[in-house]
């Protein structure tokens, strides 16, 4: 049985992923395009839409899955790792987005991605005991 803190963690993360995914598909598409590295061979808008669909799916799976929660947490962690180069590109190329309008703000944001990876893994595991 999962602890209350872990339950809150995966519910928060699932909700945040659904919200982020919906925002990719609707009101924040332009903002998210600032994070697409030039090395991605797809059109930035296509990349944003595709990642939004993945985020909605992962978030919904975190919210609804019980038997496969650990697997979904691992996939979410891998997704956060996969999109990290976009955060680095935003910082390196001085692109504004989501109020990240200085190099310092963009740099500080880089440290939040590992937190998401850890939260995805920790919140979807059963506590040892």
N, C-alpha and C. Protein backbone atom coordinates (compact mmCIF):
# COMPACT_ATOMS: atom_id res chain seq x y z
N UNK A 1 0.84 -1.18 0.00
CA UNK A 1 0.00 0.00 0.00
C UNK A 1 0.89 1.24 0.00
N UNK A 2 0.54 2.20 -0.83
CA UNK A 2 1.33 3.42 -0.96
C UNK A 2 1.08 4.36 0.21
N UNK A 3 2.10 5.11 0.57
CA UNK A 3 1.96 6.08 1.66
C UNK A 3 1.17 7.29 1.17
N UNK A 4 0.57 8.05 2.08
CA UNK A 4 -0.17 9.25 1.67
C UNK A 4 0.71 10.24 0.91
N UNK A 5 1.96 10.39 1.30
CA UNK A 5 2.85 11.33 0.60
C UNK A 5 3.10 10.88 -0.83
N UNK A 6 3.30 9.60 -1.03
CA UNK A 6 3.51 9.08 -2.38
C UNK A 6 2.24 9.22 -3.22
N UNK A 7 1.10 8.98 -2.60
CA UNK A 7 -0.16 9.15 -3.32
C UNK A 7 -0.34 10.60 -3.76
N UNK A 8 -0.09 11.52 -2.85
CA UNK A 8 -0.17 12.94 -3.20
C UNK A 8 0.82 13.26 -4.32
N UNK A 9 2.02 12.69 -4.24
CA UNK A 9 3.04 12.93 -5.26
C UNK A 9 2.61 12.48 -6.64
N UNK A 10 2.10 11.26 -6.75
CA UNK A 10 1.73 10.81 -8.10
C UNK A 10 0.45 11.49 -8.59
N UNK A 11 -0.46 11.84 -7.68
CA UNK A 11 -1.66 12.59 -8.10
C UNK A 11 -1.30 14.00 -8.55
N UNK A 12 -0.38 14.64 -7.83
CA UNK A 12 0.08 15.96 -8.24
C UNK A 12 0.77 15.89 -9.60
N UNK A 13 1.69 14.94 -9.74
CA UNK A 13 2.43 14.81 -10.98
C UNK A 13 1.50 14.47 -12.15
N UNK A 14 0.57 13.56 -11.93
CA UNK A 14 -0.39 13.22 -12.98
C UNK A 14 -1.23 14.42 -13.40
N UNK A 15 -1.70 15.17 -12.42
CA UNK A 15 -2.50 16.36 -12.72
C UNK A 15 -1.67 17.41 -13.45
N UNK A 16 -0.43 17.60 -13.01
CA UNK A 16 0.45 18.57 -13.66
C UNK A 16 0.74 18.17 -15.10
N UNK A 17 0.94 16.88 -15.34
CA UNK A 17 1.19 16.41 -16.70
C UNK A 17 -0.03 16.61 -17.60
N UNK A 18 -1.22 16.31 -17.09
CA UNK A 18 -2.43 16.53 -17.89
C UNK A 18 -2.57 18.01 -18.22
N UNK A 19 -2.39 18.87 -17.22
CA UNK A 19 -2.49 20.31 -17.45
C UNK A 19 -1.45 20.79 -18.47
N UNK A 20 -0.20 20.35 -18.29
CA UNK A 20 0.86 20.75 -19.22
C UNK A 20 0.55 20.25 -20.63
N UNK A 21 0.07 19.02 -20.73
CA UNK A 21 -0.26 18.47 -22.04
C UNK A 21 -1.37 19.23 -22.72
N UNK A 22 -2.41 19.55 -21.98
CA UNK A 22 -3.51 20.34 -22.55
C UNK A 22 -3.01 21.72 -22.96
N UNK A 23 -2.13 22.31 -22.16
CA UNK A 23 -1.60 23.63 -22.53
C UNK A 23 -0.72 23.54 -23.77
N UNK A 24 -0.02 22.41 -23.96
CA UNK A 24 0.74 22.20 -25.21
C UNK A 24 -0.19 22.26 -26.41
N UNK A 25 -1.37 21.70 -26.23
CA UNK A 25 -2.30 21.57 -27.35
C UNK A 25 -3.16 22.82 -27.57
N UNK A 26 -3.18 23.72 -26.60
CA UNK A 26 -4.10 24.85 -26.69
C UNK A 26 -3.39 26.18 -26.49
N UNK A 27 -3.50 26.76 -25.32
CA UNK A 27 -3.14 28.16 -25.10
C UNK A 27 -1.65 28.45 -25.00
N UNK A 28 -0.80 27.45 -24.82
CA UNK A 28 0.63 27.72 -24.61
C UNK A 28 1.52 27.12 -25.71
N UNK A 29 0.95 26.84 -26.86
CA UNK A 29 1.75 26.20 -27.92
C UNK A 29 2.96 27.03 -28.31
N UNK A 30 2.78 28.33 -28.44
CA UNK A 30 3.91 29.20 -28.82
C UNK A 30 4.99 29.20 -27.75
N UNK A 31 4.57 29.24 -26.49
CA UNK A 31 5.54 29.24 -25.39
C UNK A 31 6.37 27.96 -25.40
N UNK A 32 5.73 26.83 -25.62
CA UNK A 32 6.45 25.57 -25.62
C UNK A 32 7.40 25.44 -26.81
N UNK A 33 7.10 26.11 -27.91
CA UNK A 33 7.99 26.04 -29.07
C UNK A 33 9.36 26.62 -28.77
N UNK A 34 9.46 27.50 -27.78
CA UNK A 34 10.75 28.06 -27.38
C UNK A 34 11.68 26.99 -26.81
N UNK A 35 11.13 25.87 -26.42
CA UNK A 35 11.93 24.80 -25.80
C UNK A 35 12.34 23.72 -26.79
N UNK A 36 11.88 23.80 -28.02
CA UNK A 36 12.21 22.75 -28.99
C UNK A 36 13.61 23.01 -29.57
N UNK A 37 14.56 22.10 -29.33
CA UNK A 37 15.91 22.30 -29.86
C UNK A 37 15.93 22.23 -31.39
N UNK A 38 16.90 22.91 -31.97
CA UNK A 38 17.05 22.89 -33.43
C UNK A 38 17.37 21.50 -33.95
N UNK A 39 17.92 20.66 -33.10
CA UNK A 39 18.31 19.31 -33.51
C UNK A 39 17.11 18.38 -33.72
N UNK A 40 15.94 18.77 -33.24
CA UNK A 40 14.74 17.94 -33.46
C UNK A 40 14.34 18.07 -34.92
N UNK A 41 14.24 16.95 -35.63
CA UNK A 41 13.99 17.01 -37.08
C UNK A 41 12.55 17.37 -37.48
N UNK A 42 11.67 17.52 -36.51
CA UNK A 42 10.28 17.85 -36.80
C UNK A 42 10.03 19.35 -36.68
N UNK A 43 8.95 19.80 -37.28
CA UNK A 43 8.50 21.17 -37.11
C UNK A 43 8.26 21.41 -35.62
N UNK A 44 8.66 22.57 -35.07
CA UNK A 44 8.46 22.82 -33.63
C UNK A 44 7.01 22.66 -33.17
N UNK A 45 6.05 23.09 -33.98
CA UNK A 45 4.66 22.94 -33.56
C UNK A 45 4.25 21.47 -33.50
N UNK A 46 4.70 20.69 -34.46
CA UNK A 46 4.42 19.26 -34.45
C UNK A 46 5.03 18.61 -33.21
N UNK A 47 6.24 19.01 -32.87
CA UNK A 47 6.91 18.48 -31.68
C UNK A 47 6.13 18.83 -30.42
N UNK A 48 5.66 20.07 -30.33
CA UNK A 48 4.89 20.51 -29.17
C UNK A 48 3.59 19.74 -29.06
N UNK A 49 2.89 19.56 -30.16
CA UNK A 49 1.63 18.82 -30.14
C UNK A 49 1.88 17.36 -29.74
N UNK A 50 2.89 16.75 -30.32
CA UNK A 50 3.19 15.34 -29.99
C UNK A 50 3.55 15.19 -28.51
N UNK A 51 4.38 16.09 -28.00
CA UNK A 51 4.75 15.98 -26.59
C UNK A 51 3.55 16.26 -25.69
N UNK A 52 2.64 17.11 -26.14
CA UNK A 52 1.42 17.36 -25.38
C UNK A 52 0.54 16.13 -25.28
N UNK A 53 0.42 15.42 -26.38
CA UNK A 53 -0.37 14.19 -26.38
C UNK A 53 0.25 13.17 -25.43
N UNK A 54 1.58 13.05 -25.47
CA UNK A 54 2.28 12.12 -24.57
C UNK A 54 2.04 12.53 -23.12
N UNK A 55 2.13 13.83 -22.82
CA UNK A 55 1.94 14.28 -21.45
C UNK A 55 0.53 14.01 -20.94
N UNK A 56 -0.47 14.24 -21.78
CA UNK A 56 -1.85 13.94 -21.36
C UNK A 56 -1.98 12.45 -21.06
N UNK A 57 -1.42 11.62 -21.93
CA UNK A 57 -1.48 10.17 -21.72
C UNK A 57 -0.76 9.72 -20.47
N UNK A 58 0.43 10.24 -20.26
CA UNK A 58 1.18 9.88 -19.05
C UNK A 58 0.47 10.37 -17.79
N UNK A 59 -0.02 11.59 -17.84
CA UNK A 59 -0.72 12.13 -16.67
C UNK A 59 -1.96 11.33 -16.35
N UNK A 60 -2.74 11.00 -17.37
CA UNK A 60 -3.94 10.20 -17.15
C UNK A 60 -3.58 8.83 -16.59
N UNK A 61 -2.52 8.24 -17.11
CA UNK A 61 -2.10 6.93 -16.62
C UNK A 61 -1.65 7.01 -15.16
N UNK A 62 -0.94 8.08 -14.79
CA UNK A 62 -0.55 8.24 -13.39
C UNK A 62 -1.77 8.40 -12.49
N UNK A 63 -2.78 9.09 -12.98
CA UNK A 63 -3.99 9.31 -12.18
C UNK A 63 -4.85 8.06 -12.06
N UNK A 64 -4.87 7.24 -13.10
CA UNK A 64 -5.84 6.14 -13.16
C UNK A 64 -5.25 4.74 -12.95
N UNK A 65 -3.98 4.59 -13.25
CA UNK A 65 -3.38 3.25 -13.20
C UNK A 65 -3.07 2.84 -11.76
N UNK A 66 -3.37 1.62 -11.46
CA UNK A 66 -3.00 1.07 -10.16
C UNK A 66 -2.00 -0.07 -10.35
N UNK A 67 -2.31 -0.98 -11.23
CA UNK A 67 -1.47 -2.16 -11.42
C UNK A 67 -0.16 -1.84 -12.13
N UNK A 68 -0.16 -0.84 -12.97
CA UNK A 68 1.03 -0.52 -13.76
C UNK A 68 1.65 0.82 -13.35
N UNK A 69 1.34 1.30 -12.16
CA UNK A 69 1.82 2.62 -11.73
C UNK A 69 3.34 2.70 -11.75
N UNK A 70 4.01 1.67 -11.31
CA UNK A 70 5.48 1.69 -11.29
C UNK A 70 6.03 1.84 -12.72
N UNK A 71 5.47 1.11 -13.66
CA UNK A 71 5.89 1.20 -15.05
C UNK A 71 5.61 2.61 -15.59
N UNK A 72 4.44 3.14 -15.30
CA UNK A 72 4.09 4.49 -15.77
C UNK A 72 5.05 5.52 -15.16
N UNK A 73 5.39 5.36 -13.90
CA UNK A 73 6.35 6.26 -13.26
C UNK A 73 7.71 6.21 -13.93
N UNK A 74 8.14 5.03 -14.30
CA UNK A 74 9.42 4.89 -15.00
C UNK A 74 9.36 5.56 -16.36
N UNK A 75 8.26 5.36 -17.08
CA UNK A 75 8.11 6.00 -18.40
C UNK A 75 8.05 7.52 -18.25
N UNK A 76 7.36 8.01 -17.24
CA UNK A 76 7.31 9.46 -17.00
C UNK A 76 8.70 10.00 -16.70
N UNK A 77 9.46 9.29 -15.89
CA UNK A 77 10.83 9.72 -15.59
C UNK A 77 11.67 9.77 -16.86
N UNK A 78 11.54 8.76 -17.70
CA UNK A 78 12.27 8.74 -18.97
C UNK A 78 11.82 9.89 -19.88
N UNK A 79 10.53 10.20 -19.87
CA UNK A 79 10.03 11.33 -20.64
C UNK A 79 10.66 12.63 -20.15
N UNK A 80 10.72 12.83 -18.85
CA UNK A 80 11.34 14.05 -18.30
C UNK A 80 12.81 14.14 -18.70
N UNK A 81 13.48 13.02 -18.76
CA UNK A 81 14.88 13.00 -19.20
C UNK A 81 14.95 13.34 -20.69
N UNK A 82 14.03 12.78 -21.47
CA UNK A 82 14.04 13.01 -22.92
C UNK A 82 13.79 14.46 -23.30
N UNK A 83 12.96 15.17 -22.54
CA UNK A 83 12.66 16.56 -22.90
C UNK A 83 13.65 17.55 -22.27
N UNK A 84 14.54 17.07 -21.42
CA UNK A 84 15.52 17.96 -20.78
C UNK A 84 16.37 18.74 -21.78
N UNK A 85 16.80 18.14 -22.90
CA UNK A 85 17.56 18.94 -23.87
C UNK A 85 16.81 20.18 -24.36
N UNK A 86 15.49 20.13 -24.37
CA UNK A 86 14.71 21.31 -24.74
C UNK A 86 14.88 22.43 -23.73
N UNK A 87 14.96 22.07 -22.46
CA UNK A 87 15.19 23.08 -21.43
C UNK A 87 16.59 23.67 -21.56
N UNK A 88 17.55 22.81 -21.87
CA UNK A 88 18.92 23.29 -22.06
C UNK A 88 18.98 24.20 -23.29
N UNK A 89 18.31 23.82 -24.36
CA UNK A 89 18.30 24.64 -25.57
C UNK A 89 17.67 26.01 -25.31
N UNK A 90 16.62 26.03 -24.53
CA UNK A 90 15.98 27.31 -24.20
C UNK A 90 16.98 28.22 -23.48
N UNK A 91 17.74 27.64 -22.56
CA UNK A 91 18.74 28.41 -21.82
C UNK A 91 19.89 28.84 -22.74
N UNK A 92 20.43 27.90 -23.50
CA UNK A 92 21.60 28.19 -24.33
C UNK A 92 21.31 29.21 -25.43
N UNK A 93 20.09 29.17 -25.95
CA UNK A 93 19.74 30.06 -27.07
C UNK A 93 18.96 31.30 -26.62
N UNK A 94 18.91 31.49 -25.30
CA UNK A 94 18.33 32.71 -24.72
C UNK A 94 16.88 32.94 -25.19
N UNK A 95 16.09 31.90 -25.19
CA UNK A 95 14.69 32.00 -25.65
C UNK A 95 13.76 32.22 -24.47
N UNK A 96 12.94 33.23 -24.59
CA UNK A 96 11.94 33.51 -23.56
C UNK A 96 10.78 32.54 -23.69
N UNK A 97 10.16 32.26 -22.59
CA UNK A 97 8.98 31.41 -22.56
C UNK A 97 8.58 31.18 -21.13
N UNK A 98 7.32 31.31 -20.83
CA UNK A 98 6.79 31.06 -19.49
C UNK A 98 7.41 31.96 -18.43
N UNK A 99 7.71 33.18 -18.80
CA UNK A 99 8.30 34.11 -17.84
C UNK A 99 9.78 33.88 -17.61
N UNK A 100 10.36 32.93 -18.32
CA UNK A 100 11.80 32.68 -18.21
C UNK A 100 12.49 33.63 -19.18
N UNK A 101 12.62 34.88 -18.74
CA UNK A 101 13.09 35.94 -19.63
C UNK A 101 14.50 36.42 -19.32
N UNK A 102 15.21 35.66 -18.49
CA UNK A 102 16.62 35.94 -18.24
C UNK A 102 17.38 34.62 -18.26
N UNK A 103 18.67 34.72 -18.52
CA UNK A 103 19.49 33.51 -18.51
C UNK A 103 19.49 32.85 -17.13
N UNK A 104 19.47 33.65 -16.07
CA UNK A 104 19.47 33.09 -14.72
C UNK A 104 18.19 32.30 -14.46
N UNK A 105 17.04 32.83 -14.84
CA UNK A 105 15.77 32.11 -14.65
C UNK A 105 15.78 30.82 -15.45
N UNK A 106 16.26 30.88 -16.69
CA UNK A 106 16.29 29.67 -17.52
C UNK A 106 17.26 28.65 -16.94
N UNK A 107 18.38 29.12 -16.38
CA UNK A 107 19.36 28.22 -15.78
C UNK A 107 18.81 27.56 -14.53
N UNK A 108 18.18 28.32 -13.67
CA UNK A 108 17.61 27.78 -12.43
C UNK A 108 16.56 26.72 -12.75
N UNK A 109 15.79 26.95 -13.81
CA UNK A 109 14.75 25.99 -14.20
C UNK A 109 15.33 24.62 -14.51
N UNK A 110 16.56 24.57 -14.99
CA UNK A 110 17.20 23.29 -15.32
C UNK A 110 17.24 22.35 -14.11
N UNK A 111 17.33 22.91 -12.93
CA UNK A 111 17.44 22.08 -11.73
C UNK A 111 16.11 21.47 -11.30
N UNK A 112 15.02 21.91 -11.89
CA UNK A 112 13.72 21.33 -11.54
C UNK A 112 13.45 20.02 -12.27
N UNK A 113 14.09 19.81 -13.41
CA UNK A 113 13.85 18.59 -14.18
C UNK A 113 14.28 17.35 -13.41
N UNK A 114 15.45 17.33 -12.78
CA UNK A 114 15.81 16.16 -11.97
C UNK A 114 14.82 15.91 -10.83
N UNK A 115 14.25 16.96 -10.30
CA UNK A 115 13.25 16.81 -9.23
C UNK A 115 12.03 16.06 -9.78
N UNK A 116 11.62 16.40 -11.01
CA UNK A 116 10.49 15.70 -11.62
C UNK A 116 10.80 14.22 -11.85
N UNK A 117 12.03 13.94 -12.25
CA UNK A 117 12.44 12.54 -12.46
C UNK A 117 12.35 11.77 -11.14
N UNK A 118 12.89 12.35 -10.09
CA UNK A 118 12.87 11.70 -8.78
C UNK A 118 11.43 11.54 -8.29
N UNK A 119 10.61 12.57 -8.45
CA UNK A 119 9.21 12.49 -8.02
C UNK A 119 8.46 11.40 -8.77
N UNK A 120 8.69 11.29 -10.08
CA UNK A 120 8.03 10.25 -10.86
C UNK A 120 8.40 8.86 -10.37
N UNK A 121 9.65 8.66 -10.06
CA UNK A 121 10.09 7.34 -9.59
C UNK A 121 9.65 7.08 -8.16
N UNK A 122 9.87 8.04 -7.27
CA UNK A 122 9.56 7.86 -5.85
C UNK A 122 8.06 7.68 -5.62
N UNK A 123 7.25 8.50 -6.27
CA UNK A 123 5.81 8.48 -5.97
C UNK A 123 5.09 7.27 -6.53
N UNK A 124 5.73 6.53 -7.40
CA UNK A 124 5.08 5.37 -8.01
C UNK A 124 5.64 4.04 -7.51
N UNK A 125 6.47 4.11 -6.48
CA UNK A 125 7.00 2.90 -5.86
C UNK A 125 6.33 2.67 -4.53
N UNK A 126 6.26 1.44 -4.13
CA UNK A 126 5.77 1.11 -2.80
C UNK A 126 6.88 1.39 -1.81
N UNK A 127 6.54 1.91 -0.64
CA UNK A 127 7.59 2.15 0.36
C UNK A 127 8.16 0.82 0.82
N UNK A 128 9.45 0.87 1.12
CA UNK A 128 10.09 -0.34 1.67
C UNK A 128 9.71 -0.49 3.12
N UNK A 129 9.57 -1.69 3.52
CA UNK A 129 9.21 -1.82 4.93
C UNK A 129 9.04 -3.19 5.39
